[in-house]
Amino acid sequence: MEERAESLALYIIENRTTVRAAAKKFCVSKSTVHKDISQRLPQFNRGLYLQAREVLEVNKAQRHIRGGIATRRKYRGV
């Protein structure tokens, strides 16, 4: 589990990706990604945790914008 948590964090940091995209890439659930990053990773690699959390906070702040764009595309038929 420690290796998976580190791999997830590195993937999120390097690709500036979302939890959903990381979950899809590693074939795990979004809940697993959250648990690995927020609970397991700080126990053994605090620095990596802080970097991953920073990316996830940016994604969280932009989430409503991406949702609006997706809705607009849906109803415009694009």
N, C-alpha and C. Protein backbone atom coordinates (compact mmCIF):
# COMPACT_ATOMS: atom_id res chain seq x y z
N MET A 1 0.81 -1.20 0.00
CA MET A 1 0.00 0.00 0.00
C MET A 1 0.86 1.26 0.00
N GLU A 2 2.01 1.20 0.66
CA GLU A 2 2.89 2.38 0.68
C GLU A 2 3.39 2.69 -0.72
N GLU A 3 3.75 1.66 -1.46
CA GLU A 3 4.23 1.88 -2.83
C GLU A 3 3.13 2.49 -3.69
N ARG A 4 1.91 1.98 -3.55
CA ARG A 4 0.79 2.52 -4.33
C ARG A 4 0.54 3.98 -3.96
N ALA A 5 0.59 4.29 -2.68
CA ALA A 5 0.36 5.67 -2.24
C ALA A 5 1.42 6.60 -2.83
N GLU A 6 2.68 6.16 -2.80
CA GLU A 6 3.74 6.98 -3.39
C GLU A 6 3.57 7.12 -4.89
N SER A 7 3.22 6.03 -5.56
CA SER A 7 3.02 6.07 -7.01
C SER A 7 1.87 7.01 -7.38
N LEU A 8 0.78 6.92 -6.63
CA LEU A 8 -0.36 7.82 -6.87
C LEU A 8 0.05 9.27 -6.70
N ALA A 9 0.75 9.55 -5.61
CA ALA A 9 1.17 10.93 -5.34
C ALA A 9 2.09 11.45 -6.44
N LEU A 10 3.04 10.65 -6.85
CA LEU A 10 3.96 11.07 -7.91
C LEU A 10 3.20 11.32 -9.21
N TYR A 11 2.26 10.45 -9.53
CA TYR A 11 1.47 10.61 -10.75
C TYR A 11 0.66 11.91 -10.71
N ILE A 12 0.05 12.16 -9.57
CA ILE A 12 -0.77 13.38 -9.42
C ILE A 12 0.11 14.62 -9.54
N ILE A 13 1.28 14.60 -8.92
CA ILE A 13 2.18 15.76 -8.95
C ILE A 13 2.74 15.99 -10.34
N GLU A 14 3.25 14.94 -10.96
CA GLU A 14 3.90 15.09 -12.27
C GLU A 14 2.93 15.49 -13.36
N ASN A 15 1.71 14.98 -13.32
CA ASN A 15 0.74 15.24 -14.38
C ASN A 15 -0.30 16.28 -14.01
N ARG A 16 -0.21 16.81 -12.78
CA ARG A 16 -1.19 17.80 -12.29
C ARG A 16 -2.60 17.30 -12.54
N THR A 17 -2.85 16.05 -12.24
CA THR A 17 -4.10 15.39 -12.58
C THR A 17 -5.09 15.38 -11.43
N THR A 18 -6.31 14.98 -11.71
CA THR A 18 -7.36 14.91 -10.71
C THR A 18 -7.37 13.54 -10.04
N VAL A 19 -8.11 13.45 -8.95
CA VAL A 19 -8.25 12.17 -8.25
C VAL A 19 -8.91 11.16 -9.18
N ARG A 20 -9.91 11.60 -9.90
CA ARG A 20 -10.62 10.70 -10.82
C ARG A 20 -9.69 10.12 -11.88
N ALA A 21 -8.84 10.96 -12.45
CA ALA A 21 -7.91 10.48 -13.48
C ALA A 21 -6.88 9.53 -12.89
N ALA A 22 -6.39 9.82 -11.70
CA ALA A 22 -5.42 8.94 -11.05
C ALA A 22 -6.05 7.60 -10.72
N ALA A 23 -7.29 7.63 -10.25
CA ALA A 23 -8.00 6.39 -9.92
C ALA A 23 -8.16 5.52 -11.17
N LYS A 24 -8.50 6.16 -12.27
CA LYS A 24 -8.68 5.42 -13.52
C LYS A 24 -7.36 4.82 -13.99
N LYS A 25 -6.28 5.58 -13.90
CA LYS A 25 -4.96 5.13 -14.34
C LYS A 25 -4.48 3.92 -13.53
N PHE A 26 -4.74 3.93 -12.22
CA PHE A 26 -4.25 2.86 -11.33
C PHE A 26 -5.30 1.78 -11.07
N CYS A 27 -6.45 1.89 -11.72
CA CYS A 27 -7.54 0.91 -11.58
C CYS A 27 -7.96 0.73 -10.12
N VAL A 28 -8.13 1.82 -9.42
CA VAL A 28 -8.64 1.80 -8.05
C VAL A 28 -9.77 2.82 -7.96
N SER A 29 -10.48 2.82 -6.84
CA SER A 29 -11.57 3.77 -6.68
C SER A 29 -11.05 5.13 -6.25
N LYS A 30 -11.91 6.15 -6.41
CA LYS A 30 -11.54 7.49 -5.96
C LYS A 30 -11.33 7.50 -4.45
N SER A 31 -12.13 6.72 -3.74
CA SER A 31 -11.99 6.63 -2.29
C SER A 31 -10.62 6.09 -1.89
N THR A 32 -10.13 5.13 -2.63
CA THR A 32 -8.80 4.56 -2.36
C THR A 32 -7.73 5.61 -2.58
N VAL A 33 -7.85 6.38 -3.63
CA VAL A 33 -6.88 7.44 -3.90
C VAL A 33 -6.88 8.44 -2.75
N HIS A 34 -8.07 8.87 -2.34
CA HIS A 34 -8.17 9.83 -1.24
C HIS A 34 -7.55 9.27 0.04
N LYS A 35 -7.86 8.02 0.35
CA LYS A 35 -7.35 7.42 1.58
C LYS A 35 -5.84 7.28 1.51
N ASP A 36 -5.32 6.84 0.38
CA ASP A 36 -3.86 6.69 0.23
C ASP A 36 -3.16 8.03 0.39
N ILE A 37 -3.68 9.06 -0.24
CA ILE A 37 -3.03 10.36 -0.21
C ILE A 37 -3.20 11.05 1.14
N SER A 38 -4.40 11.04 1.67
CA SER A 38 -4.65 11.84 2.88
C SER A 38 -4.33 11.13 4.19
N GLN A 39 -4.38 9.80 4.22
CA GLN A 39 -4.16 9.10 5.48
C GLN A 39 -2.87 8.28 5.51
N ARG A 40 -2.58 7.56 4.46
CA ARG A 40 -1.42 6.68 4.48
C ARG A 40 -0.11 7.42 4.17
N LEU A 41 -0.13 8.25 3.15
CA LEU A 41 1.10 8.92 2.70
C LEU A 41 1.74 9.81 3.77
N PRO A 42 1.00 10.59 4.54
CA PRO A 42 1.64 11.45 5.54
C PRO A 42 2.41 10.68 6.62
N GLN A 43 2.07 9.43 6.81
CA GLN A 43 2.73 8.63 7.84
C GLN A 43 4.18 8.30 7.49
N PHE A 44 4.48 8.19 6.20
CA PHE A 44 5.83 7.78 5.83
C PHE A 44 6.53 8.70 4.84
N ASN A 45 5.83 9.67 4.25
CA ASN A 45 6.48 10.60 3.33
C ASN A 45 5.73 11.93 3.36
N ARG A 46 6.01 12.71 4.37
CA ARG A 46 5.29 13.97 4.59
C ARG A 46 5.50 14.97 3.45
N GLY A 47 6.72 15.06 2.93
CA GLY A 47 7.02 16.00 1.85
C GLY A 47 6.22 15.71 0.60
N LEU A 48 6.16 14.46 0.23
CA LEU A 48 5.40 14.06 -0.96
C LEU A 48 3.90 14.32 -0.74
N TYR A 49 3.44 14.06 0.46
CA TYR A 49 2.04 14.33 0.80
C TYR A 49 1.71 15.80 0.61
N LEU A 50 2.55 16.68 1.09
CA LEU A 50 2.30 18.11 1.00
C LEU A 50 2.25 18.58 -0.46
N GLN A 51 3.13 18.02 -1.30
CA GLN A 51 3.12 18.37 -2.72
C GLN A 51 1.84 17.88 -3.39
N ALA A 52 1.44 16.66 -3.10
CA ALA A 52 0.23 16.11 -3.71
C ALA A 52 -1.00 16.87 -3.24
N ARG A 53 -1.03 17.20 -1.96
CA ARG A 53 -2.17 17.93 -1.41
C ARG A 53 -2.32 19.29 -2.09
N GLU A 54 -1.20 19.93 -2.39
CA GLU A 54 -1.22 21.23 -3.06
C GLU A 54 -1.90 21.12 -4.43
N VAL A 55 -1.55 20.09 -5.19
CA VAL A 55 -2.17 19.87 -6.51
C VAL A 55 -3.66 19.60 -6.35
N LEU A 56 -4.01 18.77 -5.38
CA LEU A 56 -5.42 18.43 -5.18
C LEU A 56 -6.23 19.63 -4.73
N GLU A 57 -5.64 20.53 -3.96
CA GLU A 57 -6.34 21.75 -3.55
C GLU A 57 -6.62 22.64 -4.75
N VAL A 58 -5.68 22.75 -5.66
CA VAL A 58 -5.88 23.54 -6.88
C VAL A 58 -7.01 22.93 -7.70
N ASN A 59 -6.98 21.60 -7.84
CA ASN A 59 -8.04 20.92 -8.59
C ASN A 59 -9.40 21.13 -7.94
N LYS A 60 -9.44 21.09 -6.62
CA LYS A 60 -10.69 21.29 -5.90
C LYS A 60 -11.23 22.70 -6.13
N ALA A 61 -10.34 23.67 -6.16
CA ALA A 61 -10.75 25.05 -6.38
C ALA A 61 -11.28 25.27 -7.80
N GLN A 62 -10.80 24.50 -8.75
CA GLN A 62 -11.21 24.66 -10.15
C GLN A 62 -12.35 23.73 -10.55
N ARG A 63 -12.76 22.87 -9.65
CA ARG A 63 -13.75 21.84 -9.96
C ARG A 63 -15.06 22.44 -10.49
N HIS A 64 -15.54 23.50 -9.89
CA HIS A 64 -16.81 24.07 -10.33
C HIS A 64 -16.71 24.65 -11.74
N ILE A 65 -15.54 25.11 -12.11
CA ILE A 65 -15.35 25.66 -13.46
C ILE A 65 -15.40 24.53 -14.50
N ARG A 66 -14.68 23.43 -14.21
CA ARG A 66 -14.70 22.29 -15.14
C ARG A 66 -16.11 21.71 -15.27
N GLY A 67 -16.85 21.69 -14.17
CA GLY A 67 -18.22 21.18 -14.21
C GLY A 67 -19.11 22.04 -15.09
N GLY A 68 -18.94 23.35 -15.01
CA GLY A 68 -19.72 24.27 -15.83
C GLY A 68 -19.41 24.11 -17.31
N ILE A 69 -18.15 23.91 -17.62
CA ILE A 69 -17.74 23.72 -19.01
C ILE A 69 -18.33 22.43 -19.56
N ALA A 70 -18.29 21.37 -18.76
CA ALA A 70 -18.84 20.08 -19.19
C ALA A 70 -20.34 20.18 -19.44
N THR A 71 -21.04 20.90 -18.56
CA THR A 71 -22.48 21.07 -18.72
C THR A 71 -22.80 21.87 -19.98
N ARG A 72 -22.02 22.91 -20.21
CA ARG A 72 -22.23 23.72 -21.41
C ARG A 72 -22.05 22.87 -22.67
N ARG A 73 -21.00 22.06 -22.69
CA ARG A 73 -20.76 21.18 -23.85
C ARG A 73 -21.90 20.19 -24.03
N LYS A 74 -22.38 19.66 -22.95
CA LYS A 74 -23.45 18.67 -22.99
C LYS A 74 -24.70 19.25 -23.69
N TYR A 75 -25.06 20.46 -23.29
CA TYR A 75 -26.29 21.02 -23.84
C TYR A 75 -26.10 21.73 -25.18
N ARG A 76 -24.89 22.01 -25.54
CA ARG A 76 -24.63 22.58 -26.87
C ARG A 76 -24.41 21.48 -27.90
N GLY A 77 -24.23 20.25 -27.42
CA GLY A 77 -24.04 19.13 -28.33
C GLY A 77 -22.64 19.04 -28.89
N VAL A 78 -21.67 19.62 -28.20
CA VAL A 78 -20.28 19.60 -28.68
C VAL A 78 -19.55 18.42 -28.13
